[in-house]
Amino acid sequence: MFERTIRPTDLATMLGVSLKNKRPKALADAMAEVVPGFGGLGRYKKYNRKEYEVISFIMRRIDEERATLEQAINDAVDLYYRNTVLIFG
């Protein structure tokens, strides 16, 4: 459904963080515990657009709204994975 084309270097650039910042990978690893296969399987991860949006959402919730990591992950799962609606027109 979604093609994994976003490399970690591209992800850091898109999020506006330094490449040495390990926070996006840590958030992706935390999401992988809740959503199996998040960020792809294997040692070298690639992300799709939806996973970028999820990581961006979690970072925004933690930074701007002062949510805990657990709250931000639960909100992201509810918003992006549990309440997905398909509309056929």
PDB file of N, CA and C in Angstrom:
ATOM      1  N   MET A   1       0.819  -1.175   0.000  1.00  0.00           N
ATOM      2  CA  MET A   1       0.000   0.000   0.000  1.00  0.00           C
ATOM      3  C   MET A   1       0.875   1.255   0.000  1.00  0.00           C
ATOM      4  N   PHE A   2       1.779   1.348   0.955  1.00  0.00           N
ATOM      5  CA  PHE A   2       2.691   2.475   1.005  1.00  0.00           C
ATOM      6  C   PHE A   2       4.091   1.959   0.723  1.00  0.00           C
ATOM      7  N   GLU A   3       4.794   2.646  -0.161  1.00  0.00           N
ATOM      8  CA  GLU A   3       6.140   2.225  -0.500  1.00  0.00           C
ATOM      9  C   GLU A   3       7.137   2.860   0.456  1.00  0.00           C
ATOM     10  N   ARG A   4       8.060   2.074   0.943  1.00  0.00           N
ATOM     11  CA  ARG A   4       9.057   2.572   1.888  1.00  0.00           C
ATOM     12  C   ARG A   4      10.223   3.172   1.107  1.00  0.00           C
ATOM     13  N   THR A   5      10.228   4.491   1.012  1.00  0.00           N
ATOM     14  CA  THR A   5      11.267   5.160   0.235  1.00  0.00           C
ATOM     15  C   THR A   5      12.021   6.213   1.023  1.00  0.00           C
ATOM     16  N   ILE A   6      11.566   6.551   2.209  1.00  0.00           N
ATOM     17  CA  ILE A   6      12.200   7.616   2.990  1.00  0.00           C
ATOM     18  C   ILE A   6      13.292   7.022   3.867  1.00  0.00           C
ATOM     19  N   ARG A   7      14.524   7.386   3.561  1.00  0.00           N
ATOM     20  CA  ARG A   7      15.662   6.906   4.352  1.00  0.00           C
ATOM     21  C   ARG A   7      15.767   7.717   5.640  1.00  0.00           C
ATOM     22  N   PRO A   8      16.483   7.221   6.641  1.00  0.00           N
ATOM     23  CA  PRO A   8      16.640   7.970   7.888  1.00  0.00           C
ATOM     24  C   PRO A   8      17.235   9.366   7.687  1.00  0.00           C
ATOM     25  N   THR A   9      18.151   9.521   6.723  1.00  0.00           N
ATOM     26  CA  THR A   9      18.715  10.852   6.461  1.00  0.00           C
ATOM     27  C   THR A   9      17.644  11.787   5.908  1.00  0.00           C
ATOM     28  N   ASP A  10      16.804  11.276   5.021  1.00  0.00           N
ATOM     29  CA  ASP A  10      15.706  12.087   4.487  1.00  0.00           C
ATOM     30  C   ASP A  10      14.699  12.417   5.582  1.00  0.00           C
ATOM     31  N   LEU A  11      14.446  11.464   6.458  1.00  0.00           N
ATOM     32  CA  LEU A  11      13.506  11.677   7.562  1.00  0.00           C
ATOM     33  C   LEU A  11      14.000  12.808   8.471  1.00  0.00           C
ATOM     34  N   ALA A  12      15.280  12.804   8.793  1.00  0.00           N
ATOM     35  CA  ALA A  12      15.846  13.860   9.641  1.00  0.00           C
ATOM     36  C   ALA A  12      15.716  15.218   8.961  1.00  0.00           C
ATOM     37  N   THR A  13      15.955  15.261   7.668  1.00  0.00           N
ATOM     38  CA  THR A  13      15.827  16.517   6.924  1.00  0.00           C
ATOM     39  C   THR A  13      14.384  16.997   6.914  1.00  0.00           C
ATOM     40  N   MET A  14      13.450  16.098   6.695  1.00  0.00           N
ATOM     41  CA  MET A  14      12.035  16.454   6.647  1.00  0.00           C
ATOM     42  C   MET A  14      11.539  16.946   8.007  1.00  0.00           C
ATOM     43  N   LEU A  15      12.059  16.357   9.077  1.00  0.00           N
ATOM     44  CA  LEU A  15      11.645  16.753  10.424  1.00  0.00           C
ATOM     45  C   LEU A  15      12.386  17.997  10.915  1.00  0.00           C
ATOM     46  N   GLY A  16      13.428  18.380  10.204  1.00  0.00           N
ATOM     47  CA  GLY A  16      14.184  19.566  10.590  1.00  0.00           C
ATOM     48  C   GLY A  16      15.085  19.352  11.784  1.00  0.00           C
ATOM     49  N   VAL A  17      15.575  18.134  11.946  1.00  0.00           N
ATOM     50  CA  VAL A  17      16.489  17.844  13.048  1.00  0.00           C
ATOM     51  C   VAL A  17      17.841  17.437  12.482  1.00  0.00           C
ATOM     52  N   SER A  18      18.852  17.490  13.320  1.00  0.00           N
ATOM     53  CA  SER A  18      20.191  17.101  12.913  1.00  0.00           C
ATOM     54  C   SER A  18      20.240  15.601  12.617  1.00  0.00           C
ATOM     55  N   LEU A  19      21.107  15.233  11.724  1.00  0.00           N
ATOM     56  CA  LEU A  19      21.253  13.816  11.391  1.00  0.00           C
ATOM     57  C   LEU A  19      21.788  13.022  12.581  1.00  0.00           C
ATOM     58  N   LYS A  20      22.508  13.670  13.466  1.00  0.00           N
ATOM     59  CA  LYS A  20      23.039  12.999  14.651  1.00  0.00           C
ATOM     60  C   LYS A  20      21.989  12.817  15.741  1.00  0.00           C
ATOM     61  N   ASN A  21      20.866  13.478  15.585  1.00  0.00           N
ATOM     62  CA  ASN A  21      19.775  13.365  16.557  1.00  0.00           C
ATOM     63  C   ASN A  21      19.142  11.977  16.430  1.00  0.00           C
ATOM     64  N   LYS A  22      19.175  11.208  17.477  1.00  0.00           N
ATOM     65  CA  LYS A  22      18.650   9.835  17.460  1.00  0.00           C
ATOM     66  C   LYS A  22      17.181   9.755  17.863  1.00  0.00           C
ATOM     67  N   ARG A  23      16.555  10.895  18.093  1.00  0.00           N
ATOM     68  CA  ARG A  23      15.172  10.910  18.566  1.00  0.00           C
ATOM     69  C   ARG A  23      14.180  10.288  17.573  1.00  0.00           C
ATOM     70  N   PRO A  24      14.244  10.605  16.271  1.00  0.00           N
ATOM     71  CA  PRO A  24      13.295   9.961  15.346  1.00  0.00           C
ATOM     72  C   PRO A  24      13.404   8.437  15.343  1.00  0.00           C
ATOM     73  N   LYS A  25      14.621   7.911  15.414  1.00  0.00           N
ATOM     74  CA  LYS A  25      14.794   6.455  15.439  1.00  0.00           C
ATOM     75  C   LYS A  25      14.254   5.869  16.737  1.00  0.00           C
ATOM     76  N   ALA A  26      14.469   6.559  17.838  1.00  0.00           N
ATOM     77  CA  ALA A  26      13.953   6.084  19.122  1.00  0.00           C
ATOM     78  C   ALA A  26      12.429   6.071  19.114  1.00  0.00           C
ATOM     79  N   LEU A  27      11.814   7.099  18.525  1.00  0.00           N
ATOM     80  CA  LEU A  27      10.354   7.130  18.430  1.00  0.00           C
ATOM     81  C   LEU A  27       9.845   6.023  17.509  1.00  0.00           C
ATOM     82  N   ALA A  28      10.555   5.782  16.415  1.00  0.00           N
ATOM     83  CA  ALA A  28      10.163   4.708  15.500  1.00  0.00           C
ATOM     84  C   ALA A  28      10.279   3.349  16.180  1.00  0.00           C
ATOM     85  N   ASP A  29      11.324   3.161  16.970  1.00  0.00           N
ATOM     86  CA  ASP A  29      11.479   1.901  17.699  1.00  0.00           C
ATOM     87  C   ASP A  29      10.372   1.724  18.737  1.00  0.00           C
ATOM     88  N   ALA A  30       9.982   2.824  19.390  1.00  0.00           N
ATOM     89  CA  ALA A  30       8.888   2.753  20.367  1.00  0.00           C
ATOM     90  C   ALA A  30       7.572   2.427  19.665  1.00  0.00           C
ATOM     91  N   MET A  31       7.357   2.993  18.488  1.00  0.00           N
ATOM     92  CA  MET A  31       6.134   2.690  17.728  1.00  0.00           C
ATOM     93  C   MET A  31       6.141   1.251  17.225  1.00  0.00           C
ATOM     94  N   ALA A  32       7.327   0.717  16.905  1.00  0.00           N
ATOM     95  CA  ALA A  32       7.428  -0.658  16.411  1.00  0.00           C
ATOM     96  C   ALA A  32       7.000  -1.665  17.477  1.00  0.00           C
ATOM     97  N   GLU A  33       7.106  -1.289  18.744  1.00  0.00           N
ATOM     98  CA  GLU A  33       6.640  -2.172  19.817  1.00  0.00           C
ATOM     99  C   GLU A  33       5.120  -2.248  19.844  1.00  0.00           C
ATOM    100  N   VAL A  34       4.458  -1.160  19.414  1.00  0.00           N
ATOM    101  CA  VAL A  34       2.998  -1.104  19.424  1.00  0.00           C
ATOM    102  C   VAL A  34       2.417  -1.548  18.090  1.00  0.00           C
ATOM    103  N   VAL A  35       3.028  -1.108  16.998  1.00  0.00           N
ATOM    104  CA  VAL A  35       2.568  -1.431  15.646  1.00  0.00           C
ATOM    105  C   VAL A  35       3.637  -2.299  14.986  1.00  0.00           C
ATOM    106  N   PRO A  36       3.405  -3.590  14.874  1.00  0.00           N
ATOM    107  CA  PRO A  36       4.405  -4.478  14.280  1.00  0.00           C
ATOM    108  C   PRO A  36       4.754  -4.056  12.853  1.00  0.00           C
ATOM    109  N   GLY A  37       6.051  -4.030  12.551  1.00  0.00           N
ATOM    110  CA  GLY A  37       6.497  -3.691  11.213  1.00  0.00           C
ATOM    111  C   GLY A  37       6.661  -2.206  10.954  1.00  0.00           C
ATOM    112  N   PHE A  38       6.487  -1.380  11.971  1.00  0.00           N
ATOM    113  CA  PHE A  38       6.638   0.060  11.792  1.00  0.00           C
ATOM    114  C   PHE A  38       8.085   0.362  11.427  1.00  0.00           C
ATOM    115  N   GLY A  39       8.295   1.069  10.339  1.00  0.00           N
ATOM    116  CA  GLY A  39       9.648   1.407   9.887  1.00  0.00           C
ATOM    117  C   GLY A  39      10.309   0.298   9.109  1.00  0.00           C
ATOM    118  N   GLY A  40       9.582  -0.747   8.828  1.00  0.00           N
ATOM    119  CA  GLY A  40      10.156  -1.863   8.081  1.00  0.00           C
ATOM    120  C   GLY A  40      10.869  -2.830   8.996  1.00  0.00           C
ATOM    121  N   LEU A  41      11.133  -3.963   8.467  1.00  0.00           N
ATOM    122  CA  LEU A  41      11.826  -4.980   9.236  1.00  0.00           C
ATOM    123  C   LEU A  41      13.294  -4.987   8.850  1.00  0.00           C
ATOM    124  N   GLY A  42      14.122  -5.436   9.724  1.00  0.00           N
ATOM    125  CA  GLY A  42      15.542  -5.515   9.422  1.00  0.00           C
ATOM    126  C   GLY A  42      16.335  -4.428  10.112  1.00  0.00           C
ATOM    127  N   ARG A  43      17.621  -4.457   9.847  1.00  0.00           N
ATOM    128  CA  ARG A  43      18.526  -3.538  10.526  1.00  0.00           C
ATOM    129  C   ARG A  43      18.438  -2.128   9.968  1.00  0.00           C
ATOM    130  N   TYR A  44      18.374  -2.009   8.651  1.00  0.00           N
ATOM    131  CA  TYR A  44      18.340  -0.694   8.011  1.00  0.00           C
ATOM    132  C   TYR A  44      16.907  -0.340   7.682  1.00  0.00           C
ATOM    133  N   LYS A  45      16.404   0.643   8.358  1.00  0.00           N
ATOM    134  CA  LYS A  45      14.992   0.988   8.230  1.00  0.00           C
ATOM    135  C   LYS A  45      14.775   2.020   7.136  1.00  0.00           C
ATOM    136  N   LYS A  46      13.631   1.903   6.479  1.00  0.00           N
ATOM    137  CA  LYS A  46      13.131   2.918   5.567  1.00  0.00           C
ATOM    138  C   LYS A  46      11.695   3.170   5.968  1.00  0.00           C
ATOM    139  N   TYR A  47      11.241   4.372   5.746  1.00  0.00           N
ATOM    140  CA  TYR A  47       9.916   4.768   6.200  1.00  0.00           C
ATOM    141  C   TYR A  47       9.044   5.151   5.018  1.00  0.00           C
ATOM    142  N   ASN A  48       7.738   5.046   5.216  1.00  0.00           N
ATOM    143  CA  ASN A  48       6.813   5.540   4.204  1.00  0.00           C
ATOM    144  C   ASN A  48       6.240   6.870   4.690  1.00  0.00           C
ATOM    145  N   ARG A  49       5.405   7.469   3.873  1.00  0.00           N
ATOM    146  CA  ARG A  49       4.879   8.802   4.191  1.00  0.00           C
ATOM    147  C   ARG A  49       4.018   8.786   5.467  1.00  0.00           C
ATOM    148  N   LYS A  50       3.236   7.726   5.646  1.00  0.00           N
ATOM    149  CA  LYS A  50       2.382   7.632   6.832  1.00  0.00           C
ATOM    150  C   LYS A  50       3.230   7.551   8.101  1.00  0.00           C
ATOM    151  N   GLU A  51       4.307   6.780   8.053  1.00  0.00           N
ATOM    152  CA  GLU A  51       5.177   6.655   9.224  1.00  0.00           C
ATOM    153  C   GLU A  51       5.878   7.970   9.531  1.00  0.00           C
ATOM    154  N   TYR A  52       6.234   8.729   8.483  1.00  0.00           N
ATOM    155  CA  TYR A  52       6.787  10.065   8.699  1.00  0.00           C
ATOM    156  C   TYR A  52       5.775  10.946   9.424  1.00  0.00           C
ATOM    157  N   GLU A  53       4.525  10.901   8.979  1.00  0.00           N
ATOM    158  CA  GLU A  53       3.473  11.701   9.615  1.00  0.00           C
ATOM    159  C   GLU A  53       3.290  11.301  11.080  1.00  0.00           C
ATOM    160  N   VAL A  54       3.357  10.015  11.362  1.00  0.00           N
ATOM    161  CA  VAL A  54       3.196   9.531  12.741  1.00  0.00           C
ATOM    162  C   VAL A  54       4.342  10.031  13.620  1.00  0.00           C
ATOM    163  N   ILE A  55       5.571   9.919  13.148  1.00  0.00           N
ATOM    164  CA  ILE A  55       6.720  10.391  13.933  1.00  0.00           C
ATOM    165  C   ILE A  55       6.632  11.901  14.140  1.00  0.00           C
ATOM    166  N   SER A  56       6.245  12.615  13.097  1.00  0.00           N
ATOM    167  CA  SER A  56       6.086  14.064  13.201  1.00  0.00           C
ATOM    168  C   SER A  56       5.000  14.424  14.223  1.00  0.00           C
ATOM    169  N   PHE A  57       3.888  13.688  14.199  1.00  0.00           N
ATOM    170  CA  PHE A  57       2.792  13.914  15.139  1.00  0.00           C
ATOM    171  C   PHE A  57       3.253  13.688  16.578  1.00  0.00           C
ATOM    172  N   ILE A  58       3.992  12.609  16.811  1.00  0.00           N
ATOM    173  CA  ILE A  58       4.474  12.294  18.162  1.00  0.00           C
ATOM    174  C   ILE A  58       5.431  13.372  18.654  1.00  0.00           C
ATOM    175  N   MET A  59       6.353  13.806  17.797  1.00  0.00           N
ATOM    176  CA  MET A  59       7.293  14.851  18.195  1.00  0.00           C
ATOM    177  C   MET A  59       6.558  16.151  18.528  1.00  0.00           C
ATOM    178  N   ARG A  60       5.556  16.493  17.726  1.00  0.00           N
ATOM    179  CA  ARG A  60       4.786  17.714  17.964  1.00  0.00           C
ATOM    180  C   ARG A  60       4.002  17.634  19.270  1.00  0.00           C
ATOM    181  N   ARG A  61       3.388  16.475  19.534  1.00  0.00           N
ATOM    182  CA  ARG A  61       2.623  16.300  20.784  1.00  0.00           C
ATOM    183  C   ARG A  61       3.529  16.429  22.002  1.00  0.00           C
ATOM    184  N   ILE A  62       4.721  15.873  21.932  1.00  0.00           N
ATOM    185  CA  ILE A  62       5.641  15.927  23.066  1.00  0.00           C
ATOM    186  C   ILE A  62       6.195  17.340  23.248  1.00  0.00           C
ATOM    187  N   ASP A  63       6.592  17.982  22.167  1.00  0.00           N
ATOM    188  CA  ASP A  63       7.221  19.300  22.257  1.00  0.00           C
ATOM    189  C   ASP A  63       6.231  20.413  22.570  1.00  0.00           C
ATOM    190  N   GLU A  64       5.141  20.466  21.825  1.00  0.00           N
ATOM    191  CA  GLU A  64       4.227  21.601  21.940  1.00  0.00           C
ATOM    192  C   GLU A  64       3.164  21.410  23.009  1.00  0.00           C
ATOM    193  N   GLU A  65       2.683  20.205  23.164  1.00  0.00           N
ATOM    194  CA  GLU A  65       1.572  19.967  24.089  1.00  0.00           C
ATOM    195  C   GLU A  65       2.007  19.316  25.389  1.00  0.00           C
ATOM    196  N   ARG A  66       3.307  19.059  25.519  1.00  0.00           N
ATOM    197  CA  ARG A  66       3.879  18.489  26.750  1.00  0.00           C
ATOM    198  C   ARG A  66       3.250  17.159  27.143  1.00  0.00           C
ATOM    199  N   ALA A  67       2.956  16.342  26.151  1.00  0.00           N
ATOM    200  CA  ALA A  67       2.417  15.011  26.422  1.00  0.00           C
ATOM    201  C   ALA A  67       3.569  14.063  26.752  1.00  0.00           C
ATOM    202  N   THR A  68       3.262  13.018  27.475  1.00  0.00           N
ATOM    203  CA  THR A  68       4.278  12.004  27.728  1.00  0.00           C
ATOM    204  C   THR A  68       4.414  11.137  26.482  1.00  0.00           C
ATOM    205  N   LEU A  69       5.477  10.368  26.418  1.00  0.00           N
ATOM    206  CA  LEU A  69       5.704   9.499  25.261  1.00  0.00           C
ATOM    207  C   LEU A  69       4.562   8.500  25.111  1.00  0.00           C
ATOM    208  N   GLU A  70       4.136   7.927  26.215  1.00  0.00           N
ATOM    209  CA  GLU A  70       3.050   6.945  26.181  1.00  0.00           C
ATOM    210  C   GLU A  70       1.746   7.565  25.664  1.00  0.00           C
ATOM    211  N   GLN A  71       1.417   8.766  26.134  1.00  0.00           N
ATOM    212  CA  GLN A  71       0.203   9.442  25.667  1.00  0.00           C
ATOM    213  C   GLN A  71       0.291   9.757  24.180  1.00  0.00           C
ATOM    214  N   ALA A  72       1.447  10.244  23.741  1.00  0.00           N
ATOM    215  CA  ALA A  72       1.624  10.606  22.338  1.00  0.00           C
ATOM    216  C   ALA A  72       1.520   9.381  21.437  1.00  0.00           C
ATOM    217  N   ILE A  73       2.103   8.267  21.852  1.00  0.00           N
ATOM    218  CA  ILE A  73       2.030   7.039  21.050  1.00  0.00           C
ATOM    219  C   ILE A  73       0.595   6.524  21.008  1.00  0.00           C
ATOM    220  N   ASN A  74      -0.092   6.529  22.122  1.00  0.00           N
ATOM    221  CA  ASN A  74      -1.487   6.077  22.141  1.00  0.00           C
ATOM    222  C   ASN A  74      -2.365   6.952  21.250  1.00  0.00           C
ATOM    223  N   ASP A  75      -2.164   8.261  21.288  1.00  0.00           N
ATOM    224  CA  ASP A  75      -2.923   9.160  20.422  1.00  0.00           C
ATOM    225  C   ASP A  75      -2.623   8.908  18.947  1.00  0.00           C
ATOM    226  N   ALA A  76      -1.349   8.669  18.635  1.00  0.00           N
ATOM    227  CA  ALA A  76      -0.961   8.402  17.251  1.00  0.00           C
ATOM    228  C   ALA A  76      -1.574   7.099  16.747  1.00  0.00           C
ATOM    229  N   VAL A  77      -1.567   6.077  17.579  1.00  0.00           N
ATOM    230  CA  VAL A  77      -2.166   4.796  17.183  1.00  0.00           C
ATOM    231  C   VAL A  77      -3.661   4.962  16.958  1.00  0.00           C
ATOM    232  N   ASP A  78      -4.326   5.685  17.859  1.00  0.00           N
ATOM    233  CA  ASP A  78      -5.760   5.922  17.695  1.00  0.00           C
ATOM    234  C   ASP A  78      -6.055   6.699  16.421  1.00  0.00           C
ATOM    235  N   LEU A  79      -5.272   7.728  16.161  1.00  0.00           N
ATOM    236  CA  LEU A  79      -5.533   8.603  15.026  1.00  0.00           C
ATOM    237  C   LEU A  79      -5.164   7.965  13.689  1.00  0.00           C
ATOM    238  N   TYR A  80      -4.004   7.328  13.611  1.00  0.00           N
ATOM    239  CA  TYR A  80      -3.509   6.845  12.332  1.00  0.00           C
ATOM    240  C   TYR A  80      -3.803   5.375  12.045  1.00  0.00           C
ATOM    241  N   TYR A  81      -4.048   4.571  13.062  1.00  0.00           N
ATOM    242  CA  TYR A  81      -4.212   3.141  12.811  1.00  0.00           C
ATOM    243  C   TYR A  81      -5.569   2.587  13.190  1.00  0.00           C
ATOM    244  N   ARG A  82      -6.185   3.051  14.246  1.00  0.00           N
ATOM    245  CA  ARG A  82      -7.465   2.482  14.654  1.00  0.00           C
ATOM    246  C   ARG A  82      -8.649   3.149  13.990  1.00  0.00           C
ATOM    247  N   ASN A  83      -8.541   4.420  13.676  1.00  0.00           N
ATOM    248  CA  ASN A  83      -9.674   5.154  13.125  1.00  0.00           C
ATOM    249  C   ASN A  83      -9.518   5.421  11.640  1.00  0.00           C
ATOM    250  N   THR A  84      -8.864   4.528  10.936  1.00  0.00           N
ATOM    251  CA  THR A  84      -8.691   4.707   9.500  1.00  0.00           C
ATOM    252  C   THR A  84      -9.992   4.339   8.801  1.00  0.00           C
ATOM    253  N   VAL A  85     -10.496   5.267   8.006  1.00  0.00           N
ATOM    254  CA  VAL A  85     -11.743   5.071   7.285  1.00  0.00           C
ATOM    255  C   VAL A  85     -11.442   5.085   5.797  1.00  0.00           C
ATOM    256  N   LEU A  86     -11.928   4.078   5.101  1.00  0.00           N
ATOM    257  CA  LEU A  86     -11.769   4.033   3.663  1.00  0.00           C
ATOM    258  C   LEU A  86     -13.036   4.577   3.009  1.00  0.00           C
ATOM    259  N   ILE A  87     -12.865   5.521   2.115  1.00  0.00           N
ATOM    260  CA  ILE A  87     -13.999   6.108   1.424  1.00  0.00           C
ATOM    261  C   ILE A  87     -13.876   5.766  -0.056  1.00  0.00           C
ATOM    262  N   PHE A  88     -14.872   5.112  -0.557  1.00  0.00           N
ATOM    263  CA  PHE A  88     -14.905   4.757  -1.972  1.00  0.00           C
ATOM    264  C   PHE A  88     -15.924   5.651  -2.667  1.00  0.00           C
ATOM    265  N   GLY A  89     -15.516   6.309  -3.731  1.00  0.00           N
ATOM    266  CA  GLY A  89     -16.440   7.228  -4.381  1.00  0.00           C
ATOM    267  C   GLY A  89     -16.670   6.955  -5.825  1.00  0.00           C
TER     268      GLY A  89
END
